[in-house]
Amino acid sequence: MESFDELVVQYQPMIHKIIHSLHIYRNEDEFYQTGLIGLWEATQSFDERKGSFSNYAYTYMKGKMLSQMSQNNQFNEGLIHPKVEFWETIVDHESSNYLEKETIKIYCEGLTEKEAKWVISMSKDQLTIKEIAAREKVSVSAVKQWRSGAIRKLKEKVANHN
């Protein structure tokens, strides 16, 4: 058999033909190298009793490139990002929590600090009176007083805006 360098020169058009027939337009150099590896492996495993080398080399190189394409596709599928619509459906909890808390703080203007704590704890954190009392280390009746003061002031605020 000829030297490998001579085979490369002889089979270079065949490698390019395979690349073209498989519609490979990205990473052509990578697939050319895969074709050269396939050519090398074909020279190592060729049995003259089973046919011509050119048919064997063509089939071997094409199979090698198809395997490479399959591996690349499997790898790339793991890297694909969902469509833009997917990202728009994701809720950014950090920013929405911040905005929610800021909106609630606007309503708490004019309330005492403890009344505002009750409003935020009840609306944003969805805590019960007992849970607020435990968290703030005060009695349940103290939290009820915060609640009644906050409700009264908020009702007045709403009535004045109408």
C-alpha atoms as a PDB file:
ATOM      1  CA  MET A   1       0.000   0.000   0.000  1.00  0.00           C
ATOM      2  CA  GLU A   2       1.083   3.579  -0.640  1.00  0.00           C
ATOM      3  CA  SER A   3       2.334   5.905   2.081  1.00  0.00           C
ATOM      4  CA  PHE A   4      -0.382   7.627   4.089  1.00  0.00           C
ATOM      5  CA  ASP A   5       0.639  11.064   2.752  1.00  0.00           C
ATOM      6  CA  GLU A   6       0.039   9.859  -0.784  1.00  0.00           C
ATOM      7  CA  LEU A   7      -3.342   8.417   0.257  1.00  0.00           C
ATOM      8  CA  VAL A   8      -4.316  11.761   1.780  1.00  0.00           C
ATOM      9  CA  VAL A   9      -3.594  13.542  -1.517  1.00  0.00           C
ATOM     10  CA  GLN A  10      -5.453  10.858  -3.464  1.00  0.00           C
ATOM     11  CA  TYR A  11      -8.521  10.708  -1.167  1.00  0.00           C
ATOM     12  CA  GLN A  12      -8.788  14.399  -0.264  1.00  0.00           C
ATOM     13  CA  PRO A  13     -11.453  15.016  -2.969  1.00  0.00           C
ATOM     14  CA  MET A  14     -13.417  12.027  -1.633  1.00  0.00           C
ATOM     15  CA  ILE A  15     -13.349  13.426   1.898  1.00  0.00           C
ATOM     16  CA  HIS A  16     -14.636  16.785   0.634  1.00  0.00           C
ATOM     17  CA  LYS A  17     -17.319  14.978  -1.412  1.00  0.00           C
ATOM     18  CA  ILE A  18     -18.522  13.132   1.699  1.00  0.00           C
ATOM     19  CA  ILE A  19     -18.600  16.390   3.678  1.00  0.00           C
ATOM     20  CA  HIS A  20     -20.651  17.973   0.886  1.00  0.00           C
ATOM     21  CA  SER A  21     -23.019  14.979   0.563  1.00  0.00           C
ATOM     22  CA  LEU A  22     -23.720  15.082   4.315  1.00  0.00           C
ATOM     23  CA  HIS A  23     -24.494  18.825   4.074  1.00  0.00           C
ATOM     24  CA  ILE A  24     -21.835  19.698   6.631  1.00  0.00           C
ATOM     25  CA  TYR A  25     -21.326  23.437   6.583  1.00  0.00           C
ATOM     26  CA  ARG A  26     -20.136  24.085  10.118  1.00  0.00           C
ATOM     27  CA  ASN A  27     -16.886  22.755  11.524  1.00  0.00           C
ATOM     28  CA  GLU A  28     -15.757  21.534   8.096  1.00  0.00           C
ATOM     29  CA  ASP A  29     -12.132  21.368   9.277  1.00  0.00           C
ATOM     30  CA  GLU A  30     -13.164  19.160  12.189  1.00  0.00           C
ATOM     31  CA  PHE A  31     -14.998  16.789   9.851  1.00  0.00           C
ATOM     32  CA  TYR A  32     -12.082  16.824   7.416  1.00  0.00           C
ATOM     33  CA  GLN A  33      -9.886  15.643  10.291  1.00  0.00           C
ATOM     34  CA  THR A  34     -12.497  12.992  11.132  1.00  0.00           C
ATOM     35  CA  GLY A  35     -12.317  11.889   7.482  1.00  0.00           C
ATOM     36  CA  LEU A  36      -8.517  11.636   7.701  1.00  0.00           C
ATOM     37  CA  ILE A  37      -8.818   9.558  10.866  1.00  0.00           C
ATOM     38  CA  GLY A  38     -11.350   7.359   9.091  1.00  0.00           C
ATOM     39  CA  LEU A  39      -8.954   6.983   6.143  1.00  0.00           C
ATOM     40  CA  TRP A  40      -6.142   6.009   8.507  1.00  0.00           C
ATOM     41  CA  GLU A  41      -8.317   3.489  10.341  1.00  0.00           C
ATOM     42  CA  ALA A  42      -9.509   2.108   6.995  1.00  0.00           C
ATOM     43  CA  THR A  43      -5.902   1.445   5.963  1.00  0.00           C
ATOM     44  CA  GLN A  44      -5.341  -0.413   9.227  1.00  0.00           C
ATOM     45  CA  SER A  45      -8.412  -2.649   8.979  1.00  0.00           C
ATOM     46  CA  PHE A  46      -8.723  -3.175   5.199  1.00  0.00           C
ATOM     47  CA  ASP A  47      -8.852  -6.753   3.930  1.00  0.00           C
ATOM     48  CA  GLU A  48      -8.017  -6.998   0.219  1.00  0.00           C
ATOM     49  CA  ARG A  49     -10.110 -10.177  -0.129  1.00  0.00           C
ATOM     50  CA  LYS A  50     -13.327  -8.241   0.604  1.00  0.00           C
ATOM     51  CA  GLY A  51     -13.266  -5.699  -2.244  1.00  0.00           C
ATOM     52  CA  SER A  52     -11.629  -2.496  -3.400  1.00  0.00           C
ATOM     53  CA  PHE A  53     -10.000  -0.119  -0.967  1.00  0.00           C
ATOM     54  CA  SER A  54     -11.693   2.982  -2.388  1.00  0.00           C
ATOM     55  CA  ASN A  55     -15.190   1.607  -1.662  1.00  0.00           C
ATOM     56  CA  TYR A  56     -14.111   0.481   1.801  1.00  0.00           C
ATOM     57  CA  ALA A  57     -12.433   3.830   2.554  1.00  0.00           C
ATOM     58  CA  TYR A  58     -15.501   5.774   1.365  1.00  0.00           C
ATOM     59  CA  THR A  59     -17.863   3.736   3.551  1.00  0.00           C
ATOM     60  CA  TYR A  60     -15.513   3.859   6.547  1.00  0.00           C
ATOM     61  CA  MET A  61     -14.932   7.634   6.362  1.00  0.00           C
ATOM     62  CA  LYS A  62     -18.625   8.391   5.835  1.00  0.00           C
ATOM     63  CA  GLY A  63     -19.548   6.194   8.813  1.00  0.00           C
ATOM     64  CA  LYS A  64     -16.940   7.947  10.948  1.00  0.00           C
ATOM     65  CA  MET A  65     -18.332  11.371   9.999  1.00  0.00           C
ATOM     66  CA  LEU A  66     -21.923  10.264  10.645  1.00  0.00           C
ATOM     67  CA  SER A  67     -20.879   9.058  14.104  1.00  0.00           C
ATOM     68  CA  GLN A  68     -19.194  12.415  14.734  1.00  0.00           C
ATOM     69  CA  MET A  69     -22.343  14.258  13.624  1.00  0.00           C
ATOM     70  CA  SER A  70     -24.443  12.167  15.987  1.00  0.00           C
ATOM     71  CA  GLN A  71     -22.114  12.877  18.907  1.00  0.00           C
ATOM     72  CA  ASN A  72     -22.091  16.600  18.121  1.00  0.00           C
ATOM     73  CA  ASN A  73     -25.893  16.685  17.930  1.00  0.00           C
ATOM     74  CA  GLN A  74     -26.264  14.920  21.269  1.00  0.00           C
ATOM     75  CA  PHE A  75     -23.815  17.343  22.868  1.00  0.00           C
ATOM     76  CA  ASN A  76     -25.445  20.413  21.303  1.00  0.00           C
ATOM     77  CA  GLU A  77     -28.932  19.356  22.400  1.00  0.00           C
ATOM     78  CA  GLY A  78     -27.741  19.706  25.982  1.00  0.00           C
ATOM     79  CA  LEU A  79     -26.595  23.265  25.268  1.00  0.00           C
ATOM     80  CA  ILE A  80     -29.696  24.558  23.524  1.00  0.00           C
ATOM     81  CA  HIS A  81     -31.477  27.312  25.388  1.00  0.00           C
ATOM     82  CA  PRO A  82     -35.250  27.406  25.300  1.00  0.00           C
ATOM     83  CA  LYS A  83     -36.962  29.967  23.101  1.00  0.00           C
ATOM     84  CA  VAL A  84     -37.286  33.552  24.269  1.00  0.00           C
ATOM     85  CA  GLU A  85     -40.913  32.922  25.259  1.00  0.00           C
ATOM     86  CA  PHE A  86     -39.694  30.439  27.894  1.00  0.00           C
ATOM     87  CA  TRP A  87     -37.486  33.031  29.577  1.00  0.00           C
ATOM     88  CA  GLU A  88     -40.353  35.511  29.626  1.00  0.00           C
ATOM     89  CA  THR A  89     -42.494  33.091  31.657  1.00  0.00           C
ATOM     90  CA  ILE A  90     -39.933  32.743  34.435  1.00  0.00           C
ATOM     91  CA  VAL A  91     -40.814  34.849  37.420  1.00  0.00           C
ATOM     92  CA  ASP A  92     -37.954  36.720  39.006  1.00  0.00           C
ATOM     93  CA  HIS A  93     -38.922  36.217  42.628  1.00  0.00           C
ATOM     94  CA  GLU A  94     -36.213  38.514  43.955  1.00  0.00           C
ATOM     95  CA  SER A  95     -37.327  41.554  41.983  1.00  0.00           C
ATOM     96  CA  SER A  96     -41.029  40.783  42.413  1.00  0.00           C
ATOM     97  CA  ASN A  97     -40.538  40.382  46.184  1.00  0.00           C
ATOM     98  CA  TYR A  98     -38.674  43.675  46.301  1.00  0.00           C
ATOM     99  CA  LEU A  99     -41.366  45.451  44.291  1.00  0.00           C
ATOM    100  CA  GLU A 100     -44.105  43.847  46.370  1.00  0.00           C
ATOM    101  CA  LYS A 101     -42.442  44.961  49.595  1.00  0.00           C
ATOM    102  CA  GLU A 102     -41.899  48.484  48.235  1.00  0.00           C
ATOM    103  CA  THR A 103     -45.552  48.702  47.153  1.00  0.00           C
ATOM    104  CA  ILE A 104     -46.712  47.579  50.581  1.00  0.00           C
ATOM    105  CA  LYS A 105     -44.388  50.141  52.225  1.00  0.00           C
ATOM    106  CA  ILE A 106     -46.127  52.898  50.240  1.00  0.00           C
ATOM    107  CA  TYR A 107     -49.444  51.855  51.787  1.00  0.00           C
ATOM    108  CA  CYS A 108     -47.763  51.816  55.200  1.00  0.00           C
ATOM    109  CA  GLU A 109     -46.915  55.516  55.091  1.00  0.00           C
ATOM    110  CA  GLY A 110     -48.568  57.155  58.084  1.00  0.00           C
ATOM    111  CA  LEU A 111     -48.567  53.925  60.124  1.00  0.00           C
ATOM    112  CA  THR A 112     -46.394  53.309  63.133  1.00  0.00           C
ATOM    113  CA  GLU A 113     -43.422  50.980  62.729  1.00  0.00           C
ATOM    114  CA  LYS A 114     -45.288  48.165  64.520  1.00  0.00           C
ATOM    115  CA  GLU A 115     -48.465  48.641  62.462  1.00  0.00           C
ATOM    116  CA  ALA A 116     -46.339  48.519  59.311  1.00  0.00           C
ATOM    117  CA  LYS A 117     -44.703  45.300  60.601  1.00  0.00           C
ATOM    118  CA  TRP A 118     -48.151  43.766  60.964  1.00  0.00           C
ATOM    119  CA  VAL A 119     -49.172  44.806  57.415  1.00  0.00           C
ATOM    120  CA  ILE A 120     -45.967  43.465  55.841  1.00  0.00           C
ATOM    121  CA  SER A 121     -45.915  40.263  57.881  1.00  0.00           C
ATOM    122  CA  MET A 122     -49.568  39.571  57.186  1.00  0.00           C
ATOM    123  CA  SER A 123     -49.659  40.471  53.479  1.00  0.00           C
ATOM    124  CA  LYS A 124     -46.195  39.619  52.169  1.00  0.00           C
ATOM    125  CA  ASP A 125     -45.119  36.849  54.544  1.00  0.00           C
ATOM    126  CA  GLN A 126     -48.700  35.596  55.090  1.00  0.00           C
ATOM    127  CA  LEU A 127     -48.169  35.070  58.799  1.00  0.00           C
ATOM    128  CA  THR A 128     -50.919  34.681  61.365  1.00  0.00           C
ATOM    129  CA  ILE A 129     -51.236  36.908  64.413  1.00  0.00           C
ATOM    130  CA  LYS A 130     -49.704  34.157  66.575  1.00  0.00           C
ATOM    131  CA  GLU A 131     -46.767  33.723  64.171  1.00  0.00           C
ATOM    132  CA  ILE A 132     -46.125  37.482  64.087  1.00  0.00           C
ATOM    133  CA  ALA A 133     -46.235  37.611  67.895  1.00  0.00           C
ATOM    134  CA  ALA A 134     -43.755  34.732  68.143  1.00  0.00           C
ATOM    135  CA  ARG A 135     -41.407  36.267  65.559  1.00  0.00           C
ATOM    136  CA  GLU A 136     -41.512  39.719  67.192  1.00  0.00           C
ATOM    137  CA  LYS A 137     -41.435  38.241  70.742  1.00  0.00           C
ATOM    138  CA  VAL A 138     -44.549  40.097  71.871  1.00  0.00           C
ATOM    139  CA  SER A 139     -47.991  39.027  73.055  1.00  0.00           C
ATOM    140  CA  VAL A 140     -50.817  38.124  70.696  1.00  0.00           C
ATOM    141  CA  SER A 141     -52.877  41.022  72.098  1.00  0.00           C
ATOM    142  CA  ALA A 142     -50.070  43.466  71.185  1.00  0.00           C
ATOM    143  CA  VAL A 143     -50.156  42.278  67.568  1.00  0.00           C
ATOM    144  CA  LYS A 144     -53.970  42.588  67.591  1.00  0.00           C
ATOM    145  CA  GLN A 145     -53.552  46.227  68.662  1.00  0.00           C
ATOM    146  CA  TRP A 146     -51.100  46.794  65.778  1.00  0.00           C
ATOM    147  CA  ARG A 147     -53.648  45.232  63.445  1.00  0.00           C
ATOM    148  CA  SER A 148     -56.584  47.346  64.646  1.00  0.00           C
ATOM    149  CA  GLY A 149     -54.534  50.576  64.454  1.00  0.00           C
ATOM    150  CA  ALA A 150     -53.293  49.716  60.948  1.00  0.00           C
ATOM    151  CA  ILE A 151     -56.757  48.796  59.669  1.00  0.00           C
ATOM    152  CA  ARG A 152     -58.282  51.962  61.071  1.00  0.00           C
ATOM    153  CA  LYS A 153     -55.600  54.197  59.509  1.00  0.00           C
ATOM    154  CA  LEU A 154     -55.728  52.381  56.162  1.00  0.00           C
ATOM    155  CA  LYS A 155     -59.531  52.759  56.033  1.00  0.00           C
ATOM    156  CA  GLU A 156     -59.171  56.485  56.687  1.00  0.00           C
ATOM    157  CA  LYS A 157     -56.526  56.735  53.958  1.00  0.00           C
ATOM    158  CA  VAL A 158     -58.793  54.979  51.439  1.00  0.00           C
ATOM    159  CA  ALA A 159     -61.820  57.081  52.441  1.00  0.00           C
ATOM    160  CA  ASN A 160     -59.830  60.303  51.962  1.00  0.00           C
ATOM    161  CA  HIS A 161     -58.752  59.267  48.441  1.00  0.00           C
ATOM    162  CA  ASN A 162     -62.356  58.736  47.290  1.00  0.00           C
END
